[in-house]
């Protein structure tokens, strides 16, 4: 499935963005990762199928927008049995909710290489506002003459806000799984070539 067409889940519309460059997420050099508490440790995971676009002009946060999509069925925690359970109704219910998406709304607190990216995240068929701590990696040329931009986004989500409530009570009265999910998204995106002007 073509899409963390959050990302496609990174590109909302802020009107001044018309002059900003559009960058398409390079999934081969990007990662959508997470960690959640299990018993007394933390289990990492990632989504391997995602796509999206970023509208970005350095120094002009009013032009920054993002739209991205993630295929939740691509979840990978390096354990086949666990991944199958995560795709099932107890968790992401990917048969019923086959897509996750992020669409930005605004950027605030832009200072130096940091900013806050506000947007709407759809996960498990539930849409909620979220705020991502954004780190700008810069813009530069790649070996093929194109232009690339890099970004890292971090946030902490409560899975219960999105209706993912499965858990097990332990013998000591505690819970097997944590509610908070640490999310880290590392993006490298390539500038989209402009279509030649029609004569």
N, C-alpha and C. Protein backbone atom coordinates (compact mmCIF):
# COMPACT_ATOMS: atom_id res chain seq x y z
N UNK A 1 0.85 -1.19 0.00
CA UNK A 1 0.00 0.00 0.00
C UNK A 1 0.88 1.24 0.00
N UNK A 2 0.59 2.20 -0.88
CA UNK A 2 1.35 3.44 -0.89
C UNK A 2 0.83 4.33 0.21
N UNK A 3 1.78 4.94 0.92
CA UNK A 3 1.35 5.82 1.99
C UNK A 3 1.65 7.23 1.62
N UNK A 4 3.93 5.85 8.48
CA UNK A 4 4.09 6.59 8.92
C UNK A 4 3.56 7.38 6.15
N UNK A 5 0.64 9.19 0.08
CA UNK A 5 0.22 9.61 -1.25
C UNK A 5 -0.06 11.06 -1.18
N UNK A 6 2.89 9.31 7.84
CA UNK A 6 3.06 10.59 8.33
C UNK A 6 4.04 10.62 9.01
N UNK A 7 4.30 9.81 7.09
CA UNK A 7 4.40 10.45 6.67
C UNK A 7 3.29 10.13 7.38
N UNK A 8 2.11 8.69 2.56
CA UNK A 8 1.94 10.03 2.65
C UNK A 8 1.33 10.53 3.88
N UNK A 9 1.73 10.92 4.87
CA UNK A 9 1.01 11.62 5.92
C UNK A 9 1.64 12.86 6.37
N UNK A 10 2.54 13.66 5.61
CA UNK A 10 3.06 14.92 6.08
C UNK A 10 2.63 16.15 5.26
N UNK A 11 1.59 16.59 4.62
CA UNK A 11 1.47 17.82 3.80
C UNK A 11 0.10 18.46 3.92
N UNK A 12 -0.13 19.30 4.87
CA UNK A 12 -1.39 20.04 4.98
C UNK A 12 -1.28 21.30 4.16
N UNK A 13 -2.22 22.21 4.28
CA UNK A 13 -2.15 23.41 3.45
C UNK A 13 -2.10 24.64 4.34
N UNK A 14 -0.97 25.31 4.31
CA UNK A 14 -0.86 26.64 4.88
C UNK A 14 -0.70 27.56 3.67
N UNK A 15 -1.56 28.55 3.51
CA UNK A 15 -1.64 29.29 2.26
C UNK A 15 -0.33 29.86 1.75
N UNK A 16 0.61 30.33 2.61
CA UNK A 16 1.84 30.90 2.08
C UNK A 16 2.79 29.85 1.51
N UNK A 17 2.43 28.57 1.51
CA UNK A 17 3.37 27.53 1.13
C UNK A 17 3.60 27.41 -0.37
N UNK A 18 2.95 28.26 -1.15
CA UNK A 18 3.01 28.09 -2.60
C UNK A 18 4.44 28.13 -3.13
N UNK A 19 5.31 28.93 -2.51
CA UNK A 19 6.67 29.06 -3.04
C UNK A 19 7.65 28.09 -2.40
N UNK A 20 7.22 27.35 -1.41
CA UNK A 20 8.11 26.39 -0.76
C UNK A 20 8.34 25.19 -1.66
N UNK A 21 9.52 24.59 -1.54
CA UNK A 21 9.83 23.39 -2.32
C UNK A 21 9.08 22.20 -1.74
N UNK A 22 8.70 21.27 -2.62
CA UNK A 22 8.05 20.05 -2.19
C UNK A 22 9.06 18.91 -2.20
N UNK A 23 9.15 18.20 -1.07
CA UNK A 23 10.07 17.08 -0.92
C UNK A 23 9.26 15.81 -0.69
N UNK A 24 9.63 14.75 -1.38
CA UNK A 24 8.97 13.46 -1.20
C UNK A 24 9.83 12.57 -0.31
N UNK A 25 9.19 11.93 0.66
CA UNK A 25 9.92 11.09 1.61
C UNK A 25 10.61 9.93 0.90
N UNK A 26 11.89 9.77 1.18
CA UNK A 26 12.67 8.64 0.68
C UNK A 26 12.63 7.55 1.74
N UNK A 27 11.73 6.58 1.56
CA UNK A 27 11.51 5.56 2.60
C UNK A 27 12.75 4.71 2.84
N UNK A 28 13.61 4.59 1.83
CA UNK A 28 14.82 3.78 1.99
C UNK A 28 15.81 4.42 2.94
N UNK A 29 15.68 5.72 3.17
CA UNK A 29 16.59 6.42 4.06
C UNK A 29 15.83 7.12 5.19
N UNK A 30 14.69 6.58 5.54
CA UNK A 30 13.87 7.15 6.59
C UNK A 30 13.37 6.03 7.50
N UNK A 31 12.83 6.41 8.66
CA UNK A 31 12.33 5.40 9.60
C UNK A 31 11.20 5.98 10.45
N UNK A 32 10.18 5.14 10.65
CA UNK A 32 9.09 5.47 11.57
C UNK A 32 9.16 4.44 12.70
N UNK A 33 9.64 4.85 13.86
CA UNK A 33 9.93 3.91 14.93
C UNK A 33 9.20 4.28 16.21
N UNK A 34 9.08 3.30 17.12
CA UNK A 34 8.40 3.54 18.39
C UNK A 34 8.96 2.61 19.46
N UNK A 35 8.65 2.94 20.72
CA UNK A 35 8.97 2.08 21.86
C UNK A 35 7.81 2.13 22.84
N UNK A 36 7.54 0.99 23.48
CA UNK A 36 6.50 0.92 24.49
C UNK A 36 6.97 0.03 25.63
N UNK A 37 6.56 0.37 26.86
CA UNK A 37 6.98 -0.42 28.01
C UNK A 37 6.31 -1.79 28.00
N UNK A 38 7.11 -2.82 28.28
CA UNK A 38 6.61 -4.19 28.45
C UNK A 38 7.23 -4.72 29.75
N UNK A 39 6.37 -5.02 30.74
CA UNK A 39 6.85 -5.44 32.06
C UNK A 39 7.80 -4.38 32.61
N UNK A 40 9.09 -4.69 32.68
CA UNK A 40 10.03 -3.71 33.23
C UNK A 40 11.01 -3.17 32.19
N UNK A 41 10.79 -3.53 30.94
CA UNK A 41 11.65 -3.06 29.87
C UNK A 41 10.86 -2.30 28.82
N UNK A 42 11.49 -2.00 27.70
CA UNK A 42 10.83 -1.33 26.58
C UNK A 42 11.09 -2.12 25.30
N UNK A 43 10.02 -2.31 24.53
CA UNK A 43 10.12 -3.05 23.27
C UNK A 43 10.08 -2.05 22.11
N UNK A 44 11.08 -2.11 21.20
CA UNK A 44 11.06 -1.22 20.04
C UNK A 44 10.34 -1.85 18.86
N UNK A 45 9.90 -1.01 17.97
CA UNK A 45 9.27 -1.48 16.74
C UNK A 45 9.33 -0.38 15.68
N UNK A 46 8.84 -0.70 14.50
CA UNK A 46 8.86 0.25 13.40
C UNK A 46 7.80 -0.13 12.38
N UNK A 47 7.48 0.81 11.52
CA UNK A 47 6.62 0.54 10.37
C UNK A 47 7.49 0.66 9.13
N UNK A 48 7.37 -0.30 8.24
CA UNK A 48 8.29 -0.35 7.09
C UNK A 48 7.67 0.17 5.80
N UNK A 49 6.37 0.43 5.77
CA UNK A 49 5.71 0.94 4.57
C UNK A 49 5.08 2.29 4.89
N UNK A 50 5.61 3.34 4.30
CA UNK A 50 5.09 4.68 4.53
C UNK A 50 5.51 5.58 3.37
N UNK A 51 4.82 6.68 3.21
CA UNK A 51 5.17 7.65 2.18
C UNK A 51 4.61 9.00 2.58
N UNK A 52 5.03 10.02 1.89
CA UNK A 52 4.52 11.33 2.21
C UNK A 52 5.30 12.44 1.53
N UNK A 53 4.89 13.66 1.81
CA UNK A 53 5.52 14.83 1.19
C UNK A 53 5.63 15.94 2.22
N UNK A 54 6.66 16.75 2.04
CA UNK A 54 6.93 17.87 2.93
C UNK A 54 7.08 19.12 2.08
N UNK A 55 6.38 20.18 2.44
CA UNK A 55 6.58 21.48 1.81
C UNK A 55 7.45 22.30 2.75
N UNK A 56 8.61 22.74 2.26
CA UNK A 56 9.59 23.32 3.18
C UNK A 56 10.43 24.38 2.50
N UNK A 57 10.58 25.49 3.20
CA UNK A 57 11.50 26.55 2.79
C UNK A 57 12.27 26.99 4.03
N UNK A 58 13.60 26.83 4.05
CA UNK A 58 14.37 27.17 5.24
C UNK A 58 14.10 28.58 5.72
N UNK A 59 13.92 28.71 7.03
CA UNK A 59 13.72 30.03 7.62
C UNK A 59 12.32 30.58 7.51
N UNK A 60 11.40 29.83 6.90
CA UNK A 60 10.03 30.32 6.74
C UNK A 60 9.04 29.27 7.23
N UNK A 61 8.91 29.13 8.55
CA UNK A 61 8.06 28.08 9.10
C UNK A 61 6.60 28.21 8.69
N UNK A 62 6.17 29.40 8.30
CA UNK A 62 4.79 29.54 7.84
C UNK A 62 4.52 28.77 6.55
N UNK A 63 5.58 28.35 5.86
CA UNK A 63 5.42 27.59 4.62
C UNK A 63 5.52 26.08 4.82
N UNK A 64 5.84 25.63 6.03
CA UNK A 64 6.13 24.21 6.25
C UNK A 64 4.83 23.43 6.42
N UNK A 65 4.64 22.43 5.61
CA UNK A 65 3.49 21.56 5.74
C UNK A 65 3.91 20.12 5.48
N UNK A 66 3.13 19.20 6.01
CA UNK A 66 3.46 17.79 5.89
C UNK A 66 2.20 16.97 5.73
N UNK A 67 2.26 15.93 4.90
CA UNK A 67 1.19 14.94 4.81
C UNK A 67 1.84 13.59 4.60
N UNK A 68 1.44 12.59 5.39
CA UNK A 68 2.07 11.28 5.28
C UNK A 68 1.07 10.19 5.59
N UNK A 69 1.35 9.01 5.07
CA UNK A 69 0.54 7.83 5.37
C UNK A 69 1.45 6.67 5.75
N UNK A 70 0.95 5.85 6.64
CA UNK A 70 1.67 4.67 7.11
C UNK A 70 0.75 3.47 7.00
N UNK A 71 1.28 2.36 6.54
CA UNK A 71 0.53 1.11 6.49
C UNK A 71 0.73 0.39 7.82
N UNK A 72 -0.27 0.35 8.71
CA UNK A 72 -0.07 -0.29 10.00
C UNK A 72 0.22 -1.78 9.91
N UNK A 73 -0.18 -2.41 8.80
CA UNK A 73 0.10 -3.84 8.63
C UNK A 73 1.59 -4.10 8.43
N UNK A 74 2.36 -3.04 8.18
CA UNK A 74 3.81 -3.21 7.99
C UNK A 74 4.57 -3.17 9.31
N UNK A 75 3.86 -3.22 10.44
CA UNK A 75 4.53 -3.16 11.73
C UNK A 75 5.52 -4.31 11.89
N UNK A 76 6.67 -3.99 12.47
CA UNK A 76 7.74 -4.98 12.61
C UNK A 76 8.43 -4.77 13.96
N UNK A 77 8.27 -5.75 14.85
CA UNK A 77 8.96 -5.72 16.14
C UNK A 77 9.96 -6.87 16.25
N UNK A 78 10.29 -7.45 15.10
CA UNK A 78 11.24 -8.57 15.03
C UNK A 78 10.76 -9.81 15.76
N UNK A 79 9.43 -9.96 15.82
CA UNK A 79 8.84 -11.16 16.40
C UNK A 79 7.54 -11.43 15.64
N UNK A 80 7.52 -12.48 14.84
CA UNK A 80 6.40 -12.74 13.93
C UNK A 80 5.08 -12.90 14.69
N UNK A 81 5.09 -13.68 15.76
CA UNK A 81 3.86 -13.92 16.51
C UNK A 81 3.33 -12.63 17.12
N UNK A 82 4.22 -11.82 17.68
CA UNK A 82 3.80 -10.55 18.27
C UNK A 82 3.26 -9.61 17.20
N UNK A 83 3.92 -9.57 16.04
CA UNK A 83 3.47 -8.69 14.97
C UNK A 83 2.08 -9.08 14.49
N UNK A 84 1.81 -10.37 14.41
CA UNK A 84 0.47 -10.83 14.02
C UNK A 84 -0.58 -10.37 15.03
N UNK A 85 -0.23 -10.42 16.31
CA UNK A 85 -1.16 -9.96 17.35
C UNK A 85 -1.38 -8.45 17.25
N UNK A 86 -0.33 -7.70 16.93
CA UNK A 86 -0.46 -6.25 16.80
C UNK A 86 -1.33 -5.85 15.61
N UNK A 87 -1.40 -6.69 14.60
CA UNK A 87 -2.28 -6.41 13.45
C UNK A 87 -3.74 -6.78 13.74
N UNK A 88 -3.96 -7.56 14.78
CA UNK A 88 -5.29 -8.10 15.10
C UNK A 88 -6.16 -7.06 15.82
N UNK A 89 -7.45 -7.37 16.04
CA UNK A 89 -8.37 -6.41 16.67
C UNK A 89 -7.95 -5.92 18.05
N UNK A 90 -7.15 -6.68 18.79
CA UNK A 90 -6.70 -6.22 20.10
C UNK A 90 -5.88 -4.93 20.01
N UNK A 91 -5.23 -4.73 18.86
CA UNK A 91 -4.35 -3.57 18.72
C UNK A 91 -4.74 -2.73 17.50
N UNK A 92 -4.00 -2.81 16.41
CA UNK A 92 -4.25 -1.91 15.28
C UNK A 92 -5.45 -2.30 14.42
N UNK A 93 -5.88 -3.54 14.49
CA UNK A 93 -7.05 -4.00 13.73
C UNK A 93 -6.93 -3.56 12.27
N UNK A 94 -5.86 -4.00 11.63
CA UNK A 94 -5.54 -3.50 10.29
C UNK A 94 -6.56 -3.88 9.23
N UNK A 95 -7.33 -4.93 9.46
CA UNK A 95 -8.38 -5.28 8.50
C UNK A 95 -9.46 -4.22 8.48
N UNK A 96 -9.78 -3.67 9.65
CA UNK A 96 -10.82 -2.64 9.78
C UNK A 96 -10.24 -1.24 9.56
N UNK A 97 -9.01 -1.03 9.99
CA UNK A 97 -8.38 0.30 9.93
C UNK A 97 -7.05 0.17 9.18
N UNK A 98 -7.10 0.13 7.85
CA UNK A 98 -5.91 -0.22 7.07
C UNK A 98 -4.91 0.91 6.85
N UNK A 99 -5.17 2.09 7.43
CA UNK A 99 -4.25 3.18 7.15
C UNK A 99 -4.10 4.10 8.36
N UNK A 100 -2.88 4.55 8.57
CA UNK A 100 -2.59 5.62 9.50
C UNK A 100 -2.19 6.84 8.68
N UNK A 101 -2.53 8.03 9.17
CA UNK A 101 -2.22 9.24 8.40
C UNK A 101 -1.93 10.40 9.33
N UNK A 102 -1.06 11.28 8.86
CA UNK A 102 -0.77 12.52 9.57
C UNK A 102 -0.89 13.68 8.60
N UNK A 103 -1.54 14.75 9.04
CA UNK A 103 -1.67 15.96 8.22
C UNK A 103 -1.39 17.17 9.12
N UNK A 104 -0.41 17.95 8.73
CA UNK A 104 -0.02 19.08 9.57
C UNK A 104 -1.06 20.19 9.51
N UNK A 105 -1.08 20.98 10.59
CA UNK A 105 -2.01 22.11 10.69
C UNK A 105 -1.25 23.43 10.79
N UNK A 106 -0.19 23.44 11.62
CA UNK A 106 0.61 24.66 11.76
C UNK A 106 1.95 24.32 12.40
N UNK A 107 2.84 25.29 12.33
CA UNK A 107 4.15 25.18 12.97
C UNK A 107 4.28 26.33 13.98
N UNK A 108 4.74 26.02 15.18
CA UNK A 108 4.96 27.06 16.19
C UNK A 108 6.35 26.88 16.80
N UNK A 109 6.75 27.87 17.58
CA UNK A 109 7.99 27.81 18.37
C UNK A 109 9.22 27.49 17.51
N UNK A 110 9.24 28.01 16.29
CA UNK A 110 10.39 27.77 15.42
C UNK A 110 11.56 28.64 15.88
N UNK A 111 12.66 27.98 16.23
CA UNK A 111 13.84 28.70 16.67
C UNK A 111 15.06 27.87 16.34
N UNK A 112 15.94 28.41 15.50
CA UNK A 112 17.11 27.65 15.08
C UNK A 112 16.71 26.40 14.33
N UNK A 113 17.19 25.26 14.82
CA UNK A 113 16.91 23.99 14.16
C UNK A 113 15.76 23.24 14.82
N UNK A 114 14.94 23.93 15.62
CA UNK A 114 13.85 23.26 16.34
C UNK A 114 12.53 23.98 16.10
N UNK A 115 11.45 23.23 16.20
CA UNK A 115 10.11 23.80 16.06
C UNK A 115 9.11 22.77 16.57
N UNK A 116 7.87 23.18 16.69
CA UNK A 116 6.79 22.27 17.05
C UNK A 116 5.84 22.17 15.86
N UNK A 117 5.58 20.94 15.44
CA UNK A 117 4.71 20.67 14.30
C UNK A 117 3.38 20.14 14.82
N UNK A 118 2.32 20.91 14.62
CA UNK A 118 0.99 20.53 15.07
C UNK A 118 0.24 19.88 13.91
N UNK A 119 -0.51 18.83 14.21
CA UNK A 119 -1.26 18.18 13.14
C UNK A 119 -2.30 17.23 13.66
N UNK A 120 -2.93 16.54 12.73
CA UNK A 120 -3.96 15.55 13.04
C UNK A 120 -3.43 14.17 12.68
N UNK A 121 -3.45 13.27 13.65
CA UNK A 121 -3.01 11.90 13.44
C UNK A 121 -4.23 10.98 13.46
N UNK A 122 -4.36 10.18 12.41
CA UNK A 122 -5.40 9.15 12.35
C UNK A 122 -4.74 7.80 12.56
N UNK A 123 -5.18 7.11 13.59
CA UNK A 123 -4.63 5.79 13.93
C UNK A 123 -5.76 4.95 14.53
N UNK A 124 -5.87 3.70 14.12
CA UNK A 124 -6.91 2.81 14.64
C UNK A 124 -8.30 3.43 14.43
N UNK A 125 -8.47 4.09 13.25
CA UNK A 125 -9.73 4.72 12.84
C UNK A 125 -10.14 5.87 13.76
N UNK A 126 -9.20 6.42 14.53
CA UNK A 126 -9.47 7.55 15.41
C UNK A 126 -8.53 8.69 15.02
N UNK A 127 -9.07 9.92 14.93
CA UNK A 127 -8.26 11.08 14.59
C UNK A 127 -8.16 12.01 15.80
N UNK A 128 -6.92 12.36 16.16
CA UNK A 128 -6.67 13.21 17.31
C UNK A 128 -5.57 14.23 16.96
N UNK A 129 -5.62 15.43 17.60
CA UNK A 129 -4.51 16.38 17.41
C UNK A 129 -3.27 15.90 18.15
N UNK A 130 -2.12 16.11 17.53
CA UNK A 130 -0.84 15.77 18.16
C UNK A 130 0.15 16.89 17.90
N UNK A 131 1.18 16.95 18.72
CA UNK A 131 2.26 17.91 18.52
C UNK A 131 3.57 17.15 18.46
N UNK A 132 4.34 17.37 17.41
CA UNK A 132 5.63 16.72 17.24
C UNK A 132 6.74 17.73 17.50
N UNK A 133 7.74 17.31 18.27
CA UNK A 133 8.95 18.12 18.43
C UNK A 133 9.82 17.90 17.20
N UNK A 134 10.00 18.96 16.44
CA UNK A 134 10.66 18.85 15.14
C UNK A 134 12.10 19.34 15.22
N UNK A 135 12.99 18.53 14.66
CA UNK A 135 14.42 18.90 14.55
C UNK A 135 14.77 18.95 13.07
N UNK A 136 15.30 20.08 12.63
CA UNK A 136 15.64 20.26 11.22
C UNK A 136 17.06 19.76 10.98
N UNK A 137 17.19 18.88 9.99
CA UNK A 137 18.51 18.32 9.68
C UNK A 137 19.26 19.09 8.62
N UNK A 138 18.58 20.02 7.96
CA UNK A 138 19.24 20.82 6.93
C UNK A 138 18.86 20.40 5.53
N UNK A 139 19.38 21.14 4.58
CA UNK A 139 19.12 20.91 3.15
C UNK A 139 20.46 20.84 2.44
N UNK A 140 20.60 19.90 1.50
CA UNK A 140 21.85 19.79 0.75
C UNK A 140 21.68 19.02 -0.54
N UNK A 141 22.70 19.07 -1.35
CA UNK A 141 22.69 18.37 -2.63
C UNK A 141 23.06 16.90 -2.44
N UNK A 142 22.43 16.04 -3.22
CA UNK A 142 22.82 14.63 -3.21
C UNK A 142 23.78 14.36 -4.37
N UNK A 143 24.38 13.16 -4.44
CA UNK A 143 25.38 12.88 -5.49
C UNK A 143 24.83 12.90 -6.90
N UNK A 144 23.52 12.94 -7.07
CA UNK A 144 22.91 12.89 -8.39
C UNK A 144 22.38 14.25 -8.84
N UNK A 145 22.76 15.29 -8.11
CA UNK A 145 22.38 16.63 -8.50
C UNK A 145 21.04 17.09 -7.96
N UNK A 146 20.39 16.25 -7.19
CA UNK A 146 19.12 16.64 -6.60
C UNK A 146 19.32 17.30 -5.25
N UNK A 147 18.23 17.74 -4.66
CA UNK A 147 18.28 18.39 -3.36
C UNK A 147 17.54 17.55 -2.33
N UNK A 148 18.10 17.46 -1.13
CA UNK A 148 17.52 16.65 -0.06
C UNK A 148 17.32 17.52 1.19
N UNK A 149 16.32 17.14 1.98
CA UNK A 149 16.08 17.79 3.26
C UNK A 149 15.89 16.71 4.32
N UNK A 150 16.36 17.00 5.53
CA UNK A 150 16.27 16.02 6.61
C UNK A 150 15.51 16.57 7.80
N UNK A 151 14.74 15.69 8.44
CA UNK A 151 13.93 16.08 9.60
C UNK A 151 13.85 14.92 10.59
N UNK A 152 13.80 15.25 11.87
CA UNK A 152 13.49 14.27 12.90
C UNK A 152 12.33 14.81 13.71
N UNK A 153 11.34 13.95 13.97
CA UNK A 153 10.17 14.35 14.75
C UNK A 153 9.98 13.36 15.90
N UNK A 154 9.68 13.88 17.07
CA UNK A 154 9.48 13.04 18.25
C UNK A 154 8.18 13.44 18.94
N UNK A 155 7.49 12.46 19.49
CA UNK A 155 6.32 12.74 20.30
C UNK A 155 6.05 11.57 21.23
N UNK A 156 5.18 11.80 22.20
CA UNK A 156 4.74 10.76 23.13
C UNK A 156 3.23 10.66 23.01
N UNK A 157 2.75 9.48 22.62
CA UNK A 157 1.31 9.26 22.43
C UNK A 157 0.78 8.32 23.51
N UNK A 158 -0.44 8.57 23.94
CA UNK A 158 -1.14 7.62 24.78
C UNK A 158 -2.02 6.77 23.87
N UNK A 159 -1.72 5.49 23.77
CA UNK A 159 -2.43 4.62 22.83
C UNK A 159 -3.93 4.53 23.14
N UNK A 160 -4.31 4.72 24.42
CA UNK A 160 -5.72 4.64 24.78
C UNK A 160 -6.52 5.79 24.17
N UNK A 161 -5.84 6.92 23.88
CA UNK A 161 -6.52 8.03 23.21
C UNK A 161 -7.02 7.62 21.83
N UNK A 162 -6.40 6.58 21.26
CA UNK A 162 -6.76 6.11 19.92
C UNK A 162 -7.53 4.79 19.99
N UNK A 163 -8.03 4.46 21.16
CA UNK A 163 -8.86 3.27 21.31
C UNK A 163 -8.11 1.96 21.34
N UNK A 164 -6.79 2.01 21.53
CA UNK A 164 -5.99 0.78 21.65
C UNK A 164 -5.80 0.52 23.13
N UNK A 165 -6.64 -0.31 23.71
CA UNK A 165 -6.71 -0.42 25.17
C UNK A 165 -6.30 -1.79 25.71
N UNK A 166 -5.94 -2.72 24.84
CA UNK A 166 -5.62 -4.08 25.29
C UNK A 166 -4.51 -4.07 26.34
N UNK A 167 -4.68 -4.91 27.37
CA UNK A 167 -3.64 -5.06 28.39
C UNK A 167 -3.91 -6.35 29.16
N UNK A 168 -2.98 -6.71 30.01
CA UNK A 168 -3.14 -7.86 30.91
C UNK A 168 -2.70 -7.48 32.31
N UNK A 169 -3.49 -7.91 33.29
CA UNK A 169 -3.15 -7.65 34.68
C UNK A 169 -2.18 -8.72 35.17
N UNK A 170 -1.09 -8.28 35.79
CA UNK A 170 -0.08 -9.20 36.30
C UNK A 170 -0.46 -9.70 37.69
N UNK A 171 0.21 -10.73 38.14
CA UNK A 171 -0.05 -11.29 39.47
C UNK A 171 0.13 -10.27 40.58
N UNK A 172 1.05 -9.33 40.36
CA UNK A 172 1.31 -8.31 41.38
C UNK A 172 0.34 -7.13 41.29
N UNK A 173 -0.62 -7.22 40.36
CA UNK A 173 -1.61 -6.16 40.21
C UNK A 173 -1.24 -5.12 39.19
N UNK A 174 -0.01 -5.15 38.70
CA UNK A 174 0.41 -4.21 37.67
C UNK A 174 -0.09 -4.61 36.29
N UNK A 175 0.24 -3.81 35.30
CA UNK A 175 -0.17 -4.08 33.93
C UNK A 175 1.03 -4.47 33.08
N UNK A 176 0.79 -5.36 32.12
CA UNK A 176 1.87 -5.87 31.28
C UNK A 176 2.42 -4.79 30.35
N UNK A 177 1.54 -3.95 29.82
CA UNK A 177 1.95 -2.96 28.83
C UNK A 177 1.75 -1.54 29.33
N UNK A 178 2.62 -0.65 28.90
CA UNK A 178 2.44 0.76 29.20
C UNK A 178 1.41 1.39 28.28
N UNK A 179 0.95 2.54 28.65
CA UNK A 179 0.00 3.28 27.81
C UNK A 179 0.71 4.24 26.88
N UNK A 180 1.83 4.80 27.32
CA UNK A 180 2.55 5.79 26.51
C UNK A 180 3.44 5.11 25.48
N UNK A 181 3.44 5.67 24.30
CA UNK A 181 4.27 5.15 23.20
C UNK A 181 5.21 6.26 22.75
N UNK A 182 6.50 6.01 22.82
CA UNK A 182 7.50 6.96 22.34
C UNK A 182 7.65 6.79 20.83
N UNK A 183 7.50 7.88 20.11
CA UNK A 183 7.57 7.83 18.64
C UNK A 183 8.74 8.69 18.17
N UNK A 184 9.58 8.12 17.29
CA UNK A 184 10.68 8.87 16.68
C UNK A 184 10.63 8.63 15.17
N UNK A 185 10.54 9.71 14.43
CA UNK A 185 10.45 9.63 12.97
C UNK A 185 11.65 10.35 12.37
N UNK A 186 12.47 9.62 11.65
CA UNK A 186 13.62 10.20 10.95
C UNK A 186 13.33 10.22 9.46
N UNK A 187 13.37 11.40 8.87
CA UNK A 187 12.97 11.55 7.47
C UNK A 187 14.10 12.16 6.65
N UNK A 188 14.39 11.52 5.53
CA UNK A 188 15.18 12.14 4.47
C UNK A 188 14.27 12.23 3.26
N UNK A 189 14.16 13.42 2.69
CA UNK A 189 13.21 13.62 1.59
C UNK A 189 13.90 14.29 0.41
N UNK A 190 13.50 13.89 -0.78
CA UNK A 190 14.11 14.39 -2.01
C UNK A 190 13.20 15.42 -2.67
N UNK A 191 13.80 16.53 -3.11
CA UNK A 191 13.02 17.57 -3.77
C UNK A 191 12.36 17.01 -5.03
N UNK A 192 11.09 17.30 -5.16
CA UNK A 192 10.34 16.84 -6.32
C UNK A 192 10.68 17.69 -7.52
N UNK A 193 11.00 17.03 -8.62
CA UNK A 193 11.32 17.77 -9.84
C UNK A 193 10.10 18.50 -10.35
N UNK A 194 10.29 19.75 -10.74
CA UNK A 194 9.19 20.53 -11.27
C UNK A 194 8.86 20.09 -12.69
N UNK A 195 7.57 20.01 -12.98
CA UNK A 195 7.16 19.65 -14.33
C UNK A 195 7.51 20.78 -15.29
N UNK A 196 7.98 20.43 -16.49
CA UNK A 196 8.33 21.48 -17.45
C UNK A 196 7.10 22.31 -17.81
N UNK A 197 7.32 23.58 -17.99
CA UNK A 197 6.21 24.48 -18.35
C UNK A 197 5.64 24.11 -19.72
N UNK A 198 4.33 24.16 -19.81
CA UNK A 198 3.68 23.86 -21.09
C UNK A 198 3.85 25.04 -22.04
N UNK A 199 4.17 24.70 -23.26
CA UNK A 199 4.32 25.75 -24.27
C UNK A 199 2.98 26.10 -24.89
